[in-house]
All heavy atoms as atom14 arrays in JSON, in Angstrom:
{
  "sequence": "AREDAPGFIINGEYMGAMLHELLREHPEMIAAGSDGSCP",
  "atom14_mask": [
    [1, 1, 1, 1, 1, 0, 0, 0, 0, 0, 0, 0, 0, 0],
    [1, 1, 1, 1, 1, 1, 1, 1, 1, 1, 1, 0, 0, 0],
    [1, 1, 1, 1, 1, 1, 1, 1, 1, 0, 0, 0, 0, 0],
    [1, 1, 1, 1, 1, 1, 1, 1, 0, 0, 0, 0, 0, 0],
    [1, 1, 1, 1, 1, 0, 0, 0, 0, 0, 0, 0, 0, 0],
    [1, 1, 1, 1, 1, 1, 1, 0, 0, 0, 0, 0, 0, 0],
    [1, 1, 1, 1, 0, 0, 0, 0, 0, 0, 0, 0, 0, 0],
    [1, 1, 1, 1, 1, 1, 1, 1, 1, 1, 1, 0, 0, 0],
    [1, 1, 1, 1, 1, 1, 1, 1, 0, 0, 0, 0, 0, 0],
    [1, 1, 1, 1, 1, 1, 1, 1, 0, 0, 0, 0, 0, 0],
    [1, 1, 1, 1, 1, 1, 1, 1, 0, 0, 0, 0, 0, 0],
    [1, 1, 1, 1, 0, 0, 0, 0, 0, 0, 0, 0, 0, 0],
    [1, 1, 1, 1, 1, 1, 1, 1, 1, 0, 0, 0, 0, 0],
    [1, 1, 1, 1, 1, 1, 1, 1, 1, 1, 1, 1, 0, 0],
    [1, 1, 1, 1, 1, 1, 1, 1, 0, 0, 0, 0, 0, 0],
    [1, 1, 1, 1, 0, 0, 0, 0, 0, 0, 0, 0, 0, 0],
    [1, 1, 1, 1, 1, 0, 0, 0, 0, 0, 0, 0, 0, 0],
    [1, 1, 1, 1, 1, 1, 1, 1, 0, 0, 0, 0, 0, 0],
    [1, 1, 1, 1, 1, 1, 1, 1, 0, 0, 0, 0, 0, 0],
    [1, 1, 1, 1, 1, 1, 1, 1, 1, 1, 0, 0, 0, 0],
    [1, 1, 1, 1, 1, 1, 1, 1, 1, 0, 0, 0, 0, 0],
    [1, 1, 1, 1, 1, 1, 1, 1, 0, 0, 0, 0, 0, 0],
    [1, 1, 1, 1, 1, 1, 1, 1, 0, 0, 0, 0, 0, 0],
    [1, 1, 1, 1, 1, 1, 1, 1, 1, 1, 1, 0, 0, 0],
    [1, 1, 1, 1, 1, 1, 1, 1, 1, 0, 0, 0, 0, 0],
    [1, 1, 1, 1, 1, 1, 1, 1, 1, 1, 0, 0, 0, 0],
    [1, 1, 1, 1, 1, 1, 1, 0, 0, 0, 0, 0, 0, 0],
    [1, 1, 1, 1, 1, 1, 1, 1, 1, 0, 0, 0, 0, 0],
    [1, 1, 1, 1, 1, 1, 1, 1, 0, 0, 0, 0, 0, 0],
    [1, 1, 1, 1, 1, 1, 1, 1, 0, 0, 0, 0, 0, 0],
    [1, 1, 1, 1, 1, 0, 0, 0, 0, 0, 0, 0, 0, 0],
    [1, 1, 1, 1, 1, 0, 0, 0, 0, 0, 0, 0, 0, 0],
    [1, 1, 1, 1, 0, 0, 0, 0, 0, 0, 0, 0, 0, 0],
    [1, 1, 1, 1, 1, 1, 0, 0, 0, 0, 0, 0, 0, 0],
    [1, 1, 1, 1, 1, 1, 1, 1, 0, 0, 0, 0, 0, 0],
    [1, 1, 1, 1, 0, 0, 0, 0, 0, 0, 0, 0, 0, 0],
    [1, 1, 1, 1, 1, 1, 0, 0, 0, 0, 0, 0, 0, 0],
    [1, 1, 1, 1, 1, 1, 0, 0, 0, 0, 0, 0, 0, 0],
    [1, 1, 1, 1, 1, 1, 1, 0, 0, 0, 0, 0, 0, 0]
  ],
  "atom14_positions": [
    [[6.24, -26.31, -0.7], [5.15, -25.61, -0.31], [4.96, -25.88, 1.29], [3.94, -26.44, 1.83], [3.85, -26.12, -0.99], [0.0, 0.0, 0.0], [0.0, 0.0, 0.0], [0.0, 0.0, 0.0], [0.0, 0.0, 0.0], [0.0, 0.0, 0.0], [0.0, 0.0, 0.0], [0.0, 0.0, 0.0], [0.0, 0.0, 0.0], [0.0, 0.0, 0.0]],
    [[5.95, -25.57, 2.02], [6.07, -25.84, 3.48], [6.34, -24.49, 4.21], [7.01, -23.57, 3.79], [7.23, -26.62, 3.8], [7.18, -28.11, 3.18], [8.38, -28.9, 3.52], [8.57, -29.13, 4.95], [8.06, -30.14, 5.69], [7.34, -30.99, 5.04], [8.25, -30.13, 7.06], [0.0, 0.0, 0.0], [0.0, 0.0, 0.0], [0.0, 0.0, 0.0]],
    [[5.66, -24.37, 5.41], [5.79, -23.14, 6.16], [7.22, -23.02, 6.66], [7.66, -21.99, 6.91], [4.75, -23.14, 7.35], [3.32, -23.03, 6.86], [2.4, -22.86, 7.99], [2.77, -22.44, 9.1], [1.1, -23.26, 7.91], [0.0, 0.0, 0.0], [0.0, 0.0, 0.0], [0.0, 0.0, 0.0], [0.0, 0.0, 0.0], [0.0, 0.0, 0.0]],
    [[7.83, -24.16, 6.95], [9.12, -24.18, 7.57], [10.24, -23.95, 6.58], [11.42, -23.66, 6.92], [9.44, -25.43, 8.46], [9.29, -26.69, 7.65], [8.92, -26.61, 6.5], [9.73, -27.72, 8.17], [0.0, 0.0, 0.0], [0.0, 0.0, 0.0], [0.0, 0.0, 0.0], [0.0, 0.0, 0.0], [0.0, 0.0, 0.0], [0.0, 0.0, 0.0]],
    [[9.9, -24.01, 5.31], [10.87, -23.82, 4.28], [10.12, -23.34, 2.98], [10.08, -23.99, 1.98], [11.7, -25.11, 3.93], [0.0, 0.0, 0.0], [0.0, 0.0, 0.0], [0.0, 0.0, 0.0], [0.0, 0.0, 0.0], [0.0, 0.0, 0.0], [0.0, 0.0, 0.0], [0.0, 0.0, 0.0], [0.0, 0.0, 0.0], [0.0, 0.0, 0.0]],
    [[9.63, -22.09, 3.03], [8.81, -21.61, 1.93], [9.38, -21.35, 0.74], [10.45, -20.6, 0.63], [8.1, -20.31, 2.54], [9.03, -19.84, 3.62], [9.78, -21.14, 4.1], [0.0, 0.0, 0.0], [0.0, 0.0, 0.0], [0.0, 0.0, 0.0], [0.0, 0.0, 0.0], [0.0, 0.0, 0.0], [0.0, 0.0, 0.0], [0.0, 0.0, 0.0]],
    [[8.94, -21.9, -0.55], [9.29, -21.51, -1.65], [8.57, -20.23, -2.16], [7.35, -20.17, -1.85], [0.0, 0.0, 0.0], [0.0, 0.0, 0.0], [0.0, 0.0, 0.0], [0.0, 0.0, 0.0], [0.0, 0.0, 0.0], [0.0, 0.0, 0.0], [0.0, 0.0, 0.0], [0.0, 0.0, 0.0], [0.0, 0.0, 0.0], [0.0, 0.0, 0.0]],
    [[9.17, -19.38, -2.81], [8.47, -18.16, -3.41], [8.25, -18.09, -4.9], [9.15, -18.73, -5.58], [9.35, -16.91, -3.01], [9.31, -16.52, -1.52], [10.12, -17.19, -0.58], [8.37, -15.53, -1.16], [10.07, -16.75, 0.82], [8.39, -15.15, 0.27], [9.17, -15.8, 1.1], [0.0, 0.0, 0.0], [0.0, 0.0, 0.0], [0.0, 0.0, 0.0]],
    [[7.14, -17.59, -5.37], [6.98, -17.39, -6.74], [7.64, -16.1, -7.18], [7.47, -15.14, -6.54], [5.45, -17.38, -6.97], [4.76, -18.65, -6.53], [5.14, -16.96, -8.51], [3.26, -18.56, -6.4], [0.0, 0.0, 0.0], [0.0, 0.0, 0.0], [0.0, 0.0, 0.0], [0.0, 0.0, 0.0], [0.0, 0.0, 0.0], [0.0, 0.0, 0.0]],
    [[8.33, -16.22, -8.26], [9.32, -15.06, -8.66], [8.87, -14.5, -9.97], [9.68, -13.76, -10.66], [10.73, -15.47, -8.65], [11.06, -16.61, -9.58], [11.16, -15.86, -7.13], [12.53, -16.99, -9.59], [0.0, 0.0, 0.0], [0.0, 0.0, 0.0], [0.0, 0.0, 0.0], [0.0, 0.0, 0.0], [0.0, 0.0, 0.0], [0.0, 0.0, 0.0]],
    [[7.73, -14.77, -10.41], [7.28, -14.2, -11.74], [5.74, -13.95, -11.66], [5.05, -14.58, -10.94], [7.7, -15.03, -12.85], [6.87, -16.26, -13.06], [6.5, -16.87, -11.96], [6.72, -16.78, -14.21], [0.0, 0.0, 0.0], [0.0, 0.0, 0.0], [0.0, 0.0, 0.0], [0.0, 0.0, 0.0], [0.0, 0.0, 0.0], [0.0, 0.0, 0.0]],
    [[5.23, -13.06, -12.62], [3.77, -13.03, -12.85], [2.99, -12.44, -11.87], [3.36, -11.79, -10.92], [0.0, 0.0, 0.0], [0.0, 0.0, 0.0], [0.0, 0.0, 0.0], [0.0, 0.0, 0.0], [0.0, 0.0, 0.0], [0.0, 0.0, 0.0], [0.0, 0.0, 0.0], [0.0, 0.0, 0.0], [0.0, 0.0, 0.0], [0.0, 0.0, 0.0]],
    [[1.63, -12.86, -11.92], [0.56, -12.31, -11.13], [0.87, -12.49, -9.64], [0.54, -11.62, -8.8], [-0.73, -13.0, -11.51], [-1.95, -12.58, -10.65], [-2.54, -11.34, -10.98], [-2.18, -10.78, -12.06], [-3.39, -10.73, -10.21], [0.0, 0.0, 0.0], [0.0, 0.0, 0.0], [0.0, 0.0, 0.0], [0.0, 0.0, 0.0], [0.0, 0.0, 0.0]],
    [[1.46, -13.66, -9.22], [1.62, -13.94, -7.81], [3.11, -13.76, -7.39], [3.44, -14.29, -6.45], [1.24, -15.4, -7.52], [-0.26, -15.57, -7.96], [-0.57, -16.49, -8.94], [-1.24, -15.0, -7.17], [-1.96, -16.74, -9.25], [-2.63, -15.2, -7.46], [-2.93, -16.07, -8.56], [-4.17, -16.25, -8.83], [0.0, 0.0, 0.0], [0.0, 0.0, 0.0]],
    [[3.89, -12.93, -8.12], [5.22, -12.75, -7.77], [5.44, -12.24, -6.32], [4.6, -11.34, -5.82], [5.93, -11.78, -8.75], [7.43, -11.57, -8.46], [8.25, -10.56, -9.7], [7.31, -9.02, -9.68], [0.0, 0.0, 0.0], [0.0, 0.0, 0.0], [0.0, 0.0, 0.0], [0.0, 0.0, 0.0], [0.0, 0.0, 0.0], [0.0, 0.0, 0.0]],
    [[6.27, -12.9, -5.52], [6.52, -12.5, -4.16], [5.59, -13.38, -3.19], [5.98, -13.39, -2.04], [0.0, 0.0, 0.0], [0.0, 0.0, 0.0], [0.0, 0.0, 0.0], [0.0, 0.0, 0.0], [0.0, 0.0, 0.0], [0.0, 0.0, 0.0], [0.0, 0.0, 0.0], [0.0, 0.0, 0.0], [0.0, 0.0, 0.0], [0.0, 0.0, 0.0]],
    [[4.75, -14.12, -3.7], [3.89, -14.91, -2.78], [4.59, -16.2, -2.43], [5.43, -16.8, -3.2], [2.48, -15.26, -3.48], [0.0, 0.0, 0.0], [0.0, 0.0, 0.0], [0.0, 0.0, 0.0], [0.0, 0.0, 0.0], [0.0, 0.0, 0.0], [0.0, 0.0, 0.0], [0.0, 0.0, 0.0], [0.0, 0.0, 0.0], [0.0, 0.0, 0.0]],
    [[4.34, -16.68, -1.26], [4.87, -17.99, -0.78], [3.87, -19.1, -1.34], [2.63, -18.89, -1.19], [4.88, -18.04, 0.75], [6.0, -17.19, 1.28], [6.14, -17.36, 3.18], [4.73, -16.41, 3.7], [0.0, 0.0, 0.0], [0.0, 0.0, 0.0], [0.0, 0.0, 0.0], [0.0, 0.0, 0.0], [0.0, 0.0, 0.0], [0.0, 0.0, 0.0]],
    [[4.49, -20.15, -1.87], [3.72, -21.13, -2.55], [2.67, -21.75, -1.63], [1.55, -22.01, -1.99], [4.58, -22.27, -3.1], [3.9, -23.29, -3.98], [3.12, -22.74, -5.2], [4.83, -24.38, -4.47], [0.0, 0.0, 0.0], [0.0, 0.0, 0.0], [0.0, 0.0, 0.0], [0.0, 0.0, 0.0], [0.0, 0.0, 0.0], [0.0, 0.0, 0.0]],
    [[3.06, -22.01, -0.43], [2.18, -22.72, 0.49], [0.96, -21.93, 0.86], [-0.25, -22.36, 1.02], [2.77, -23.2, 1.76], [3.19, -22.12, 2.7], [4.35, -21.42, 2.58], [2.59, -21.65, 3.84], [4.39, -20.5, 3.6], [3.38, -20.67, 4.39], [0.0, 0.0, 0.0], [0.0, 0.0, 0.0], [0.0, 0.0, 0.0], [0.0, 0.0, 0.0]],
    [[1.07, -20.55, 0.87], [0.02, -19.7, 1.13], [-0.94, -19.58, -0.03], [-2.18, -19.49, 0.11], [0.48, -18.31, 1.6], [1.14, -18.21, 2.87], [1.54, -16.91, 3.45], [1.45, -15.87, 2.57], [1.85, -16.62, 4.62], [0.0, 0.0, 0.0], [0.0, 0.0, 0.0], [0.0, 0.0, 0.0], [0.0, 0.0, 0.0], [0.0, 0.0, 0.0]],
    [[-0.34, -19.52, -1.26], [-1.2, -19.39, -2.44], [-2.1, -20.67, -2.61], [-3.16, -20.71, -2.93], [-0.25, -19.28, -3.66], [-1.09, -19.18, -5.05], [-2.01, -17.99, -5.1], [0.02, -19.3, -6.13], [0.0, 0.0, 0.0], [0.0, 0.0, 0.0], [0.0, 0.0, 0.0], [0.0, 0.0, 0.0], [0.0, 0.0, 0.0], [0.0, 0.0, 0.0]],
    [[-1.43, -21.94, -2.32], [-2.2, -23.14, -2.4], [-3.13, -23.27, -1.37], [-4.22, -23.96, -1.5], [-1.18, -24.22, -2.47], [-0.19, -24.33, -3.62], [0.78, -25.57, -3.5], [-0.86, -24.19, -4.98], [0.0, 0.0, 0.0], [0.0, 0.0, 0.0], [0.0, 0.0, 0.0], [0.0, 0.0, 0.0], [0.0, 0.0, 0.0], [0.0, 0.0, 0.0]],
    [[-2.96, -22.76, -0.22], [-3.94, -22.75, 0.85], [-5.17, -21.94, 0.4], [-6.35, -22.3, 0.69], [-3.39, -22.24, 2.13], [-4.29, -22.46, 3.3], [-3.67, -21.81, 4.66], [-2.43, -22.55, 4.91], [-1.35, -21.99, 5.45], [-1.41, -20.69, 5.75], [-0.27, -22.65, 5.73], [0.0, 0.0, 0.0], [0.0, 0.0, 0.0], [0.0, 0.0, 0.0]],
    [[-5.0, -20.83, -0.21], [-6.06, -20.04, -0.81], [-6.71, -20.66, -2.04], [-7.95, -20.44, -2.14], [-5.47, -18.59, -1.08], [-6.59, -17.66, -1.6], [-6.01, -16.26, -1.83], [-4.78, -15.98, -1.49], [-6.75, -15.41, -2.31], [0.0, 0.0, 0.0], [0.0, 0.0, 0.0], [0.0, 0.0, 0.0], [0.0, 0.0, 0.0], [0.0, 0.0, 0.0]],
    [[-5.93, -21.36, -2.82], [-6.42, -21.86, -4.15], [-6.1, -23.34, -4.2], [-5.14, -23.78, -4.94], [-5.81, -21.2, -5.23], [-6.31, -19.69, -5.41], [-7.68, -19.36, -5.7], [-5.65, -18.43, -5.26], [-7.77, -17.96, -5.78], [-6.58, -17.45, -5.45], [0.0, 0.0, 0.0], [0.0, 0.0, 0.0], [0.0, 0.0, 0.0], [0.0, 0.0, 0.0]],
    [[-6.72, -24.26, -3.38], [-6.27, -25.65, -3.39], [-6.57, -26.37, -4.72], [-5.97, -27.31, -5.08], [-7.14, -26.26, -2.27], [-8.36, -25.32, -2.11], [-7.68, -23.91, -2.4], [0.0, 0.0, 0.0], [0.0, 0.0, 0.0], [0.0, 0.0, 0.0], [0.0, 0.0, 0.0], [0.0, 0.0, 0.0], [0.0, 0.0, 0.0], [0.0, 0.0, 0.0]],
    [[-7.35, -25.77, -5.51], [-7.71, -26.4, -6.84], [-6.53, -26.42, -7.7], [-6.51, -26.97, -8.7], [-8.96, -25.68, -7.5], [-8.77, -24.27, -8.01], [-8.71, -23.06, -6.87], [-8.83, -23.43, -5.74], [-8.55, -21.93, -7.33], [0.0, 0.0, 0.0], [0.0, 0.0, 0.0], [0.0, 0.0, 0.0], [0.0, 0.0, 0.0], [0.0, 0.0, 0.0]],
    [[-5.57, -25.53, -7.42], [-4.3, -25.44, -8.23], [-3.46, -26.82, -8.01], [-2.65, -27.11, -9.01], [-3.42, -24.24, -7.88], [-3.91, -22.95, -8.23], [-2.65, -21.62, -7.82], [-3.43, -20.21, -8.53], [0.0, 0.0, 0.0], [0.0, 0.0, 0.0], [0.0, 0.0, 0.0], [0.0, 0.0, 0.0], [0.0, 0.0, 0.0], [0.0, 0.0, 0.0]],
    [[-3.81, -27.42, -6.96], [-3.02, -28.74, -6.72], [-3.83, -29.95, -7.46], [-3.22, -30.5, -8.35], [-3.04, -29.08, -5.28], [-2.08, -28.05, -4.49], [-2.33, -30.48, -5.05], [-2.12, -28.19, -3.0], [0.0, 0.0, 0.0], [0.0, 0.0, 0.0], [0.0, 0.0, 0.0], [0.0, 0.0, 0.0], [0.0, 0.0, 0.0], [0.0, 0.0, 0.0]],
    [[-5.05, -30.05, -7.24], [-5.97, -30.97, -7.91], [-7.33, -30.84, -7.17], [-7.44, -30.28, -6.05], [-5.43, -32.44, -7.65], [0.0, 0.0, 0.0], [0.0, 0.0, 0.0], [0.0, 0.0, 0.0], [0.0, 0.0, 0.0], [0.0, 0.0, 0.0], [0.0, 0.0, 0.0], [0.0, 0.0, 0.0], [0.0, 0.0, 0.0], [0.0, 0.0, 0.0]],
    [[-8.31, -31.34, -7.94], [-9.61, -31.28, -7.28], [-9.58, -32.13, -6.15], [-9.09, -33.31, -6.02], [-10.65, -31.88, -8.33], [0.0, 0.0, 0.0], [0.0, 0.0, 0.0], [0.0, 0.0, 0.0], [0.0, 0.0, 0.0], [0.0, 0.0, 0.0], [0.0, 0.0, 0.0], [0.0, 0.0, 0.0], [0.0, 0.0, 0.0], [0.0, 0.0, 0.0]],
    [[-10.31, -31.67, -4.96], [-10.39, -32.41, -3.74], [-9.19, -32.14, -2.79], [-9.3, -32.62, -1.66], [0.0, 0.0, 0.0], [0.0, 0.0, 0.0], [0.0, 0.0, 0.0], [0.0, 0.0, 0.0], [0.0, 0.0, 0.0], [0.0, 0.0, 0.0], [0.0, 0.0, 0.0], [0.0, 0.0, 0.0], [0.0, 0.0, 0.0], [0.0, 0.0, 0.0]],
    [[-8.23, -31.33, -3.25], [-7.19, -31.01, -2.32], [-7.63, -30.07, -1.28], [-8.44, -29.22, -1.32], [-6.01, -30.25, -3.12], [-5.03, -29.79, -2.26], [0.0, 0.0, 0.0], [0.0, 0.0, 0.0], [0.0, 0.0, 0.0], [0.0, 0.0, 0.0], [0.0, 0.0, 0.0], [0.0, 0.0, 0.0], [0.0, 0.0, 0.0], [0.0, 0.0, 0.0]],
    [[-6.96, -30.26, -0.02], [-7.12, -29.41, 1.05], [-6.17, -28.21, 1.24], [-6.13, -27.44, 2.05], [-7.06, -30.17, 2.38], [-5.65, -30.79, 2.67], [-4.72, -30.64, 1.74], [-5.47, -31.45, 3.68], [0.0, 0.0, 0.0], [0.0, 0.0, 0.0], [0.0, 0.0, 0.0], [0.0, 0.0, 0.0], [0.0, 0.0, 0.0], [0.0, 0.0, 0.0]],
    [[-5.36, -28.12, 0.13], [-4.43, -27.09, -0.03], [-3.01, -27.34, 0.43], [-2.03, -26.47, 0.41], [0.0, 0.0, 0.0], [0.0, 0.0, 0.0], [0.0, 0.0, 0.0], [0.0, 0.0, 0.0], [0.0, 0.0, 0.0], [0.0, 0.0, 0.0], [0.0, 0.0, 0.0], [0.0, 0.0, 0.0], [0.0, 0.0, 0.0], [0.0, 0.0, 0.0]],
    [[-2.84, -28.61, 0.93], [-1.55, -29.1, 1.32], [-0.95, -29.85, 0.19], [-1.48, -30.9, -0.25], [-1.66, -30.08, 2.58], [-0.43, -30.71, 2.83], [0.0, 0.0, 0.0], [0.0, 0.0, 0.0], [0.0, 0.0, 0.0], [0.0, 0.0, 0.0], [0.0, 0.0, 0.0], [0.0, 0.0, 0.0], [0.0, 0.0, 0.0], [0.0, 0.0, 0.0]],
    [[0.28, -29.4, -0.31], [0.9, -30.07, -1.37], [1.6, -31.36, -0.97], [2.27, -31.33, -0.03], [1.93, -29.16, -1.96], [2.73, -29.85, -3.55], [0.0, 0.0, 0.0], [0.0, 0.0, 0.0], [0.0, 0.0, 0.0], [0.0, 0.0, 0.0], [0.0, 0.0, 0.0], [0.0, 0.0, 0.0], [0.0, 0.0, 0.0], [0.0, 0.0, 0.0]],
    [[1.25, -32.39, -1.67], [1.64, -33.78, -1.17], [3.21, -34.07, -1.53], [3.69, -35.08, -0.93], [0.79, -34.78, -1.95], [-0.29, -33.94, -2.54], [0.33, -32.59, -2.73], [0.0, 0.0, 0.0], [0.0, 0.0, 0.0], [0.0, 0.0, 0.0], [0.0, 0.0, 0.0], [0.0, 0.0, 0.0], [0.0, 0.0, 0.0], [0.0, 0.0, 0.0]]
  ]
}
């Protein structure tokens, strides 16, 4: 989930999205209290 080496989602609702952008929009997908940056 890095801007300099983005992983892409290749299935489902978010197919084609870059993981880091999705997590920035939905930080709760990482854990409660996340700022959207995957550790």
